[in-house]
Protein backbone atom coordinates (compact mmCIF):
# COMPACT_ATOMS: atom_id res chain seq x y z
CA MET A 1 -12.39 33.82 -28.93
CA ALA A 2 -9.26 35.58 -27.64
CA ASP A 3 -11.22 38.07 -25.54
CA LEU A 4 -12.97 35.19 -23.76
CA GLN A 5 -9.63 33.74 -22.71
CA ASP A 6 -7.89 36.92 -21.52
CA ASP A 7 -8.35 36.16 -17.83
CA ILE A 8 -7.06 32.58 -18.03
CA PRO A 9 -3.44 32.24 -16.87
CA THR A 10 -1.07 30.32 -19.10
CA THR A 11 1.59 27.97 -17.77
CA ALA A 12 4.90 29.75 -17.27
CA GLU A 13 8.23 28.82 -18.74
CA VAL A 14 11.47 29.44 -16.86
CA GLY A 15 13.08 32.54 -18.27
CA GLU A 16 9.77 34.06 -19.39
CA ASP A 17 9.56 37.34 -17.48
CA ASP A 18 11.15 35.63 -14.47
CA GLY A 19 13.88 38.20 -13.89
CA LEU A 20 16.66 35.63 -14.33
CA PRO A 21 19.80 36.62 -16.24
CA ASP A 22 19.91 35.58 -19.86
CA ASP A 23 22.35 32.68 -20.03
CA PRO A 24 23.61 32.07 -23.59
CA PHE A 25 24.34 28.40 -22.81
CA VAL A 26 20.85 27.83 -21.41
CA ARG A 27 19.25 29.40 -24.46
CA GLN A 28 21.50 27.62 -26.95
CA GLN A 29 19.39 26.02 -29.65
CA PRO A 30 20.19 22.59 -31.09
CA ASP A 31 21.85 22.76 -34.48
CA GLY A 32 19.71 22.14 -37.53
CA GLU A 33 21.11 18.69 -38.24
CA LEU A 34 20.39 17.39 -34.73
CA LEU A 35 16.88 18.83 -34.76
CA GLU A 36 16.24 17.28 -38.17
CA ARG A 37 17.43 13.91 -36.86
CA ALA A 38 15.19 14.31 -33.80
CA HIS A 39 12.12 14.94 -35.96
CA ALA A 40 12.96 11.93 -38.16
CA LEU A 41 13.38 9.65 -35.14
CA LEU A 42 10.11 10.84 -33.58
CA ASP A 43 8.30 10.21 -36.85
CA THR A 44 9.11 6.53 -36.31
CA HIS A 45 9.08 6.44 -32.49
CA PRO A 46 6.66 9.10 -31.22
CA VAL A 47 6.35 10.25 -27.63
CA ALA A 48 4.13 8.43 -25.14
CA ASP A 49 3.66 11.22 -22.60
CA GLY A 50 3.07 9.89 -19.10
CA TYR A 51 1.13 12.77 -17.54
CA SER A 52 -1.12 15.51 -18.84
CA GLY A 53 -3.33 17.79 -16.72
CA LEU A 54 -5.39 18.83 -19.75
CA PRO A 55 -8.83 17.65 -18.52
CA TRP A 56 -8.60 19.78 -15.39
CA ALA A 57 -7.26 22.77 -17.33
CA LEU A 58 -10.16 22.59 -19.78
CA ARG A 59 -12.67 22.90 -16.93
CA HIS A 60 -11.59 26.52 -16.54
CA LEU A 61 -12.02 27.52 -20.19
CA PRO A 62 -15.37 28.95 -21.33
CA TRP A 63 -14.73 27.65 -24.86
CA TYR A 64 -11.99 25.70 -26.63
CA ASP A 65 -11.16 23.93 -29.87
CA LEU A 66 -8.21 21.56 -29.57
CA GLU A 67 -8.24 20.81 -33.30
CA LEU A 68 -7.87 24.46 -34.24
CA GLY A 69 -5.41 25.27 -31.44
CA GLU A 70 -5.73 26.85 -28.03
CA ALA A 71 -3.28 29.48 -26.77
CA ALA A 72 -4.57 29.44 -23.18
CA ILE A 73 -3.22 25.92 -22.51
CA ASP A 74 -0.06 23.94 -23.18
CA THR A 75 -1.62 21.18 -25.26
CA ASP A 76 -3.71 21.04 -28.43
CA VAL A 77 -3.76 18.81 -31.48
CA PRO A 78 -1.49 21.00 -33.68
CA ARG A 79 1.17 21.13 -30.96
CA LEU A 80 0.84 17.42 -30.23
CA ARG A 81 1.51 16.75 -33.91
CA GLU A 82 4.42 19.21 -33.99
CA GLY A 83 5.90 17.52 -30.92
CA HIS A 84 5.29 14.01 -32.36
CA VAL A 85 3.19 12.93 -29.39
CA GLY A 86 1.51 9.62 -30.21
CA ALA A 87 -0.03 8.81 -26.83
CA LEU A 88 -0.98 10.89 -23.81
CA PHE A 89 -1.90 9.78 -20.29
CA TRP A 90 -4.63 12.14 -19.03
CA SER A 91 -4.65 12.70 -15.28
CA LEU A 92 -8.00 12.49 -13.50
CA HIS A 93 -7.16 15.35 -11.18
CA LEU A 94 -9.13 15.89 -7.99
CA PRO A 95 -9.64 19.23 -6.22
CA GLU A 96 -7.53 19.81 -3.12
CA GLU A 97 -8.88 17.79 -0.18
CA PRO A 98 -12.27 17.05 -1.74
CA GLY A 99 -13.37 14.85 1.15
CA PRO A 100 -14.22 11.14 0.78
CA ASP A 101 -17.79 11.79 -0.30
CA ARG A 102 -16.65 14.18 -3.03
CA ALA A 103 -13.59 12.32 -4.36
CA VAL A 104 -15.57 9.63 -6.16
CA THR A 105 -17.91 12.17 -7.75
CA ALA A 106 -14.97 14.32 -8.85
CA ALA A 107 -13.24 11.33 -10.46
CA LEU A 108 -16.38 10.33 -12.34
CA GLU A 109 -16.86 13.92 -13.51
CA GLN A 110 -13.31 13.90 -14.86
CA LEU A 111 -13.97 10.64 -16.68
CA ASP A 112 -17.09 12.12 -18.20
CA LEU A 113 -15.20 15.24 -19.27
CA VAL A 114 -12.44 13.20 -20.91
CA ARG A 115 -14.96 11.23 -22.94
CA THR A 116 -16.71 14.43 -23.99
CA VAL A 117 -13.44 16.08 -25.05
CA VAL A 118 -12.27 13.07 -27.05
CA GLU A 119 -15.65 12.55 -28.73
CA SER A 120 -15.76 16.22 -29.76
CA HIS A 121 -12.30 16.00 -31.40
CA PRO A 122 -12.53 12.73 -33.38
CA GLU A 123 -10.08 13.80 -36.07
CA GLY A 124 -7.26 14.30 -33.59
CA LEU A 125 -7.92 12.18 -30.50
CA ARG A 126 -8.95 8.61 -29.73
CA LEU A 127 -9.67 7.07 -26.32
CA VAL A 128 -7.81 3.78 -25.89
CA ARG A 129 -7.29 1.07 -23.29
CA THR A 130 -4.54 -1.22 -24.60
CA ALA A 131 -1.13 -1.07 -26.23
CA GLY A 132 -2.65 -2.49 -29.40
CA GLN A 133 -5.27 0.24 -29.51
CA ILE A 134 -2.51 2.84 -29.14
CA ILE A 135 -0.87 1.43 -32.27
CA ASP A 136 -4.19 1.44 -34.12
CA ALA A 137 -4.81 5.08 -33.16
CA ARG A 138 -1.37 6.07 -34.37
CA ASN A 139 -1.85 4.24 -37.67
CA CYS A 140 -5.07 6.21 -38.15
CA GLY A 141 -3.34 9.52 -37.48
CA ARG A 142 -4.90 10.04 -34.04
CA VAL A 143 -3.30 10.81 -30.70
CA ALA A 144 -4.13 7.99 -28.27
CA VAL A 145 -5.62 9.13 -24.95
CA VAL A 146 -5.03 6.79 -21.98
CA LEU A 147 -7.06 7.34 -18.80
CA GLY A 148 -4.93 7.87 -15.72
CA PRO A 149 -3.28 8.35 -13.42
CA ALA A 150 -6.19 8.83 -11.04
CA PRO A 151 -5.53 9.58 -7.35
CA GLY A 152 -6.05 6.63 -5.04
CA ALA A 153 -8.54 8.74 -3.07
CA ALA A 154 -10.96 8.19 -5.95
CA LEU A 155 -11.45 4.60 -4.75
CA ASP A 156 -12.91 5.68 -1.40
CA ASP A 157 -11.22 2.51 -0.01
CA SER A 158 -13.47 0.30 -2.17
CA LEU A 159 -12.26 -2.45 -4.50
CA ALA A 160 -15.66 -2.41 -6.18
CA LEU A 161 -15.05 1.22 -7.17
CA LEU A 162 -11.65 0.20 -8.55
CA ARG A 163 -13.39 -2.30 -10.81
CA ILE A 164 -15.97 0.27 -11.89
CA LEU A 165 -13.28 2.82 -12.75
CA HIS A 166 -11.39 0.16 -14.69
CA ALA A 167 -14.54 -0.76 -16.60
CA LEU A 168 -14.83 2.92 -17.55
CA GLY A 169 -11.28 2.84 -18.95
CA LEU A 170 -8.90 3.65 -16.07
CA ARG A 171 -5.37 2.26 -16.64
CA VAL A 172 -3.22 3.95 -13.96
CA LEU A 173 -3.86 4.59 -10.24
CA THR A 174 -1.62 6.69 -7.97
CA LEU A 175 -1.17 5.07 -4.56
CA ALA A 176 0.14 8.10 -2.64
CA GLY A 177 -2.24 10.07 -0.46
CA THR A 178 -4.31 7.13 0.77
CA ALA A 179 -4.76 5.57 4.20
CA TRP A 180 -3.47 2.23 2.90
CA ALA A 181 -0.21 3.46 1.27
CA GLY A 182 1.45 5.66 3.88
CA GLU A 183 4.87 6.37 5.37
CA THR A 184 5.19 2.82 6.73
CA GLY A 185 4.29 1.19 3.43
CA LEU A 186 1.27 -0.72 2.23
CA THR A 187 -1.24 -1.94 4.78
CA ARG A 188 -2.89 -5.34 4.34
CA PHE A 189 -5.72 -3.65 2.47
CA GLY A 190 -3.18 -1.74 0.36
CA GLU A 191 -1.60 -5.03 -0.65
CA GLU A 192 -5.04 -6.32 -1.64
CA VAL A 193 -5.56 -3.18 -3.75
CA VAL A 194 -2.31 -3.89 -5.64
CA ARG A 195 -3.29 -7.54 -6.20
CA GLU A 196 -6.68 -6.49 -7.56
CA MET A 197 -5.02 -3.89 -9.80
CA ASN A 198 -2.80 -6.67 -11.18
CA ARG A 199 -5.88 -8.81 -11.82
CA LEU A 200 -7.56 -5.96 -13.71
CA GLY A 201 -4.52 -4.63 -15.57
CA VAL A 202 -4.45 -1.26 -13.78
CA LEU A 203 -0.88 0.01 -13.37
CA ALA A 204 0.34 1.16 -9.94
CA ASP A 205 1.83 4.66 -9.91
CA VAL A 206 4.07 5.26 -6.89
CA SER A 207 5.17 8.83 -7.60
CA GLY A 208 5.02 10.81 -4.36
CA ALA A 209 4.72 7.67 -2.23
CA SER A 210 7.01 6.89 0.70
CA SER A 211 10.12 4.78 0.15
CA ASP A 212 8.54 1.89 2.08
CA THR A 213 5.44 2.02 -0.13
CA VAL A 214 7.56 2.11 -3.30
CA GLU A 215 9.69 -0.83 -2.16
CA ARG A 216 6.73 -2.95 -1.08
CA THR A 217 4.74 -2.22 -4.24
CA ILE A 218 7.69 -3.15 -6.45
CA ALA A 219 8.16 -6.39 -4.52
CA LEU A 220 4.45 -7.31 -4.51
CA SER A 221 3.24 -6.30 -7.95
CA LYS A 222 3.30 -8.90 -10.71
CA THR A 223 3.16 -6.13 -13.32
CA PRO A 224 5.66 -3.31 -13.85
CA VAL A 225 5.31 -0.36 -11.48
CA LEU A 226 5.19 3.23 -12.76
CA CYS A 227 6.50 6.48 -11.40
CA SER A 228 4.45 8.90 -13.48
CA ARG A 229 6.32 12.03 -12.33
CA SER A 230 9.68 11.22 -10.75
CA ALA A 231 13.22 12.32 -11.58
CA ALA A 232 16.59 11.66 -9.89
CA ARG A 233 16.88 12.78 -6.27
CA ALA A 234 20.66 12.61 -6.56
CA LEU A 235 20.49 15.60 -8.92
CA ARG A 236 17.57 17.48 -7.35
CA PRO A 237 16.22 16.70 -3.86
CA HIS A 238 12.54 17.02 -4.64
CA PRO A 239 10.31 14.76 -2.47
CA ALA A 240 8.72 13.11 -5.54
CA ASN A 241 12.12 12.26 -7.05
CA LEU A 242 13.67 8.83 -6.46
CA GLY A 243 16.95 7.97 -4.80
CA ASP A 244 19.40 5.69 -6.56
CA GLY A 245 18.41 2.66 -4.47
CA LEU A 246 14.77 2.91 -5.51
CA LEU A 247 15.73 3.63 -9.12
CA ALA A 248 17.87 0.50 -9.19
CA ALA A 249 15.06 -1.58 -7.66
CA LEU A 250 12.59 -0.17 -10.17
CA GLY A 251 14.95 -1.07 -13.00
CA GLU A 252 15.46 -4.62 -11.73
CA ALA A 253 11.68 -5.07 -11.64
CA LYS A 254 11.31 -3.72 -15.22
CA GLY A 255 9.30 -0.75 -13.97
CA LEU A 256 9.20 2.69 -15.53
CA CYS A 257 10.40 6.05 -14.21
CA MET A 258 8.77 8.83 -16.26
CA VAL A 259 10.86 11.98 -15.84
CA PRO A 260 8.76 15.16 -15.63
CA LEU A 261 9.56 18.25 -17.69
CA THR A 262 9.20 20.65 -14.77
CA ALA A 263 11.67 23.22 -13.51
CA GLU A 264 10.95 22.29 -9.90
CA GLN A 265 11.85 18.62 -10.28
CA THR A 266 14.39 18.58 -13.08
CA GLY A 267 15.81 22.11 -13.42
CA PRO A 268 15.40 25.27 -15.49
CA ALA A 269 16.77 24.20 -18.90
CA VAL A 270 16.84 21.37 -21.43
CA PRO A 271 20.34 20.19 -20.37
CA ASP A 272 19.07 19.80 -16.79
CA VAL A 273 16.25 17.50 -17.95
CA ALA A 274 18.76 15.56 -20.05
CA ASP A 275 20.98 15.16 -16.97
CA HIS A 276 18.11 13.44 -15.15
CA LEU A 277 17.40 11.19 -18.11
CA ASP A 278 21.10 10.29 -18.29
CA HIS A 279 21.13 9.49 -14.58
CA VAL A 280 18.00 7.31 -14.62
CA ARG A 281 19.29 5.47 -17.69
CA ARG A 282 22.62 4.82 -15.98
CA VAL A 283 21.20 3.69 -12.62
CA ALA A 284 18.00 1.90 -13.66
CA GLY A 285 18.74 1.04 -17.28
CA PRO A 286 17.42 2.27 -20.63
CA GLU A 287 14.28 0.09 -20.33
CA CYS A 288 13.26 1.96 -17.16
CA VAL A 289 13.12 5.55 -18.39
CA GLY A 290 10.23 7.47 -19.96
CA LEU A 291 8.89 11.00 -20.40
CA SER A 292 6.22 12.87 -18.52
CA GLY A 293 5.45 16.28 -19.99
CA THR A 294 3.32 17.32 -17.00
CA TYR A 295 1.77 19.98 -19.22
CA ASP A 296 -1.37 21.83 -18.14
CA SER A 297 -0.71 20.84 -14.53
CA GLY A 298 0.22 24.33 -13.34
CA ALA A 299 3.93 23.45 -13.23
CA VAL A 300 6.64 25.78 -14.51
CA HIS A 301 8.53 24.19 -17.39
CA PRO A 302 12.20 24.47 -18.38
CA ARG A 303 13.27 26.90 -21.07
CA ASP A 304 12.53 25.64 -24.58
CA LEU A 305 10.12 23.01 -23.21
CA ALA A 306 7.13 25.30 -22.70
CA ASP A 307 4.49 23.12 -24.34
CA ALA A 308 3.79 19.76 -25.99
CA SER A 309 5.38 20.82 -29.29
CA ARG A 310 8.92 21.01 -27.89
CA TYR A 311 9.90 17.36 -27.54
CA PRO A 312 12.20 17.45 -30.60
CA HIS A 313 14.43 19.94 -28.76
CA LEU A 314 14.89 17.50 -25.89
CA ILE A 315 15.55 14.57 -28.23
CA ALA A 316 18.10 16.68 -30.13
CA GLU A 317 19.96 17.28 -26.85
CA LEU A 318 20.00 13.54 -26.12
CA LEU A 319 21.29 12.84 -29.63
CA ARG A 320 24.07 15.34 -28.98
CA ARG A 321 24.95 13.36 -25.84
CA GLY A 322 25.25 10.12 -27.78
CA TRP A 323 21.97 8.36 -27.04
CA SER A 324 21.41 5.65 -29.64
CA GLU A 325 18.26 5.33 -31.73
CA THR A 326 17.39 2.15 -29.79
CA GLU A 327 17.70 3.94 -26.45
CA LEU A 328 15.64 6.87 -27.68
CA SER A 329 12.94 4.59 -29.07
CA LEU A 330 12.67 2.94 -25.65
CA LEU A 331 12.48 6.34 -23.95
CA THR A 332 9.80 7.82 -26.16
CA TRP A 333 7.58 4.89 -27.11
CA ARG A 334 8.61 1.30 -26.57
CA ASN A 335 8.94 1.29 -22.77
CA VAL A 336 5.34 2.44 -22.34
CA GLN A 337 4.18 -0.16 -24.86
CA ARG A 338 6.04 -2.88 -22.97
CA VAL A 339 4.55 -1.90 -19.59
CA LEU A 340 0.99 -1.80 -20.93
CA ARG A 341 1.37 -5.12 -22.74
CA SER A 342 2.83 -6.72 -19.61
CA ALA A 343 -0.10 -5.48 -17.50
CA ASP A 344 -2.61 -6.86 -20.03
CA PHE A 345 -0.88 -10.25 -20.21
CA THR A 346 -0.65 -10.56 -16.41
CA ALA A 347 -4.31 -9.56 -16.02
CA ARG A 348 -5.50 -12.25 -18.44
CA ALA A 349 -3.54 -14.89 -16.55
CA ALA A 350 -4.61 -13.64 -13.12
CA GLN A 351 -8.29 -13.61 -14.02
CA GLN A 352 -8.10 -17.35 -14.69
CA ARG A 353 -6.67 -18.00 -11.22
CA ARG A 354 -8.23 -15.39 -8.99
CA GLU A 355 -11.77 -14.18 -8.38
CA ALA A 356 -12.59 -10.52 -7.85
CA SER A 357 -11.69 -9.49 -4.31
CA ASN A 358 -14.41 -8.27 -1.97
CA ALA A 359 -12.01 -7.41 0.85
CA ARG A 360 -12.84 -4.38 2.97
CA ILE A 361 -10.44 -2.01 4.68
CA THR A 362 -12.35 -2.38 7.94
CA GLU A 363 -11.69 -6.14 7.86
CA LEU A 364 -8.00 -6.07 6.93
CA ASP A 365 -6.68 -2.92 8.60
CA VAL A 366 -8.07 -3.32 12.10
CA SER A 367 -5.79 -1.63 14.61
């Protein structure tokens, strides 16, 4: 198998042949006691990882076996187990600028691929829709696979397509990059999209969206709002990171900021990632912070966080900084459970009050 994979690039890790000086502090390993405590905590409160690019990465492999292990990618079942990952949100990635006629097809192809991958690895993976099904998968020794986030372009400005994607299992939709969630915020049609997402139980992901869109979505949505890949802009001025004002608003609304493990957004080492987690916890509150591995997305990862097996090293660093078991359980597992349960509860109530919307963008967003 190895000779088939030789031409497939692997995701880089900062410090791996990057020409940077070897910093003893950066490469410092957690002591054995902290790492042992981290493993024990994750046994009870596993990681719910908010973003994985695995489906798109698998498209480029001629052959793979996630149960056996796959060196050409960042994620496989053995490493998920080693990293204590209990749930994984799989991104329905679209090719760059696919065009409106191609975006829907590409999203459906990704959905089909995800189902094929999960069905071919039944001993390790299980496709789920609800928080309860995540618990069931964990109790059966499977990693729960949640569909989403999908780019908003996949809707092709159609609420009917939103309902179809939800019926196929979609749980998270990214609003950025659409005509109805731009620099000036949500349009009237964009607001109708958010209302219909609330009615269905699809979570709104505002990572990469403008400040006006984030603010309006938080104010409008009856369910918690996600940022699937956002860290603290106060520490690193990346455009997808959130300023303190938006973090505070997200926290007040019981939303969830899932901090990505990428060198570009959070920094080159484990302590840098921990700094962002500390900052989000302080500004937005411990119930607003989660983890987003962003593995198999093409991103460069911090040292010692090269793949899905390395979460215990990050948790050990947070233990060293004094995070309590309650705070860590919220970070890794319970915050995601809360958000999904809230979306399901709101959807059941909304479906009793509100019919499916047939609004069209041409009717609502007339210039």
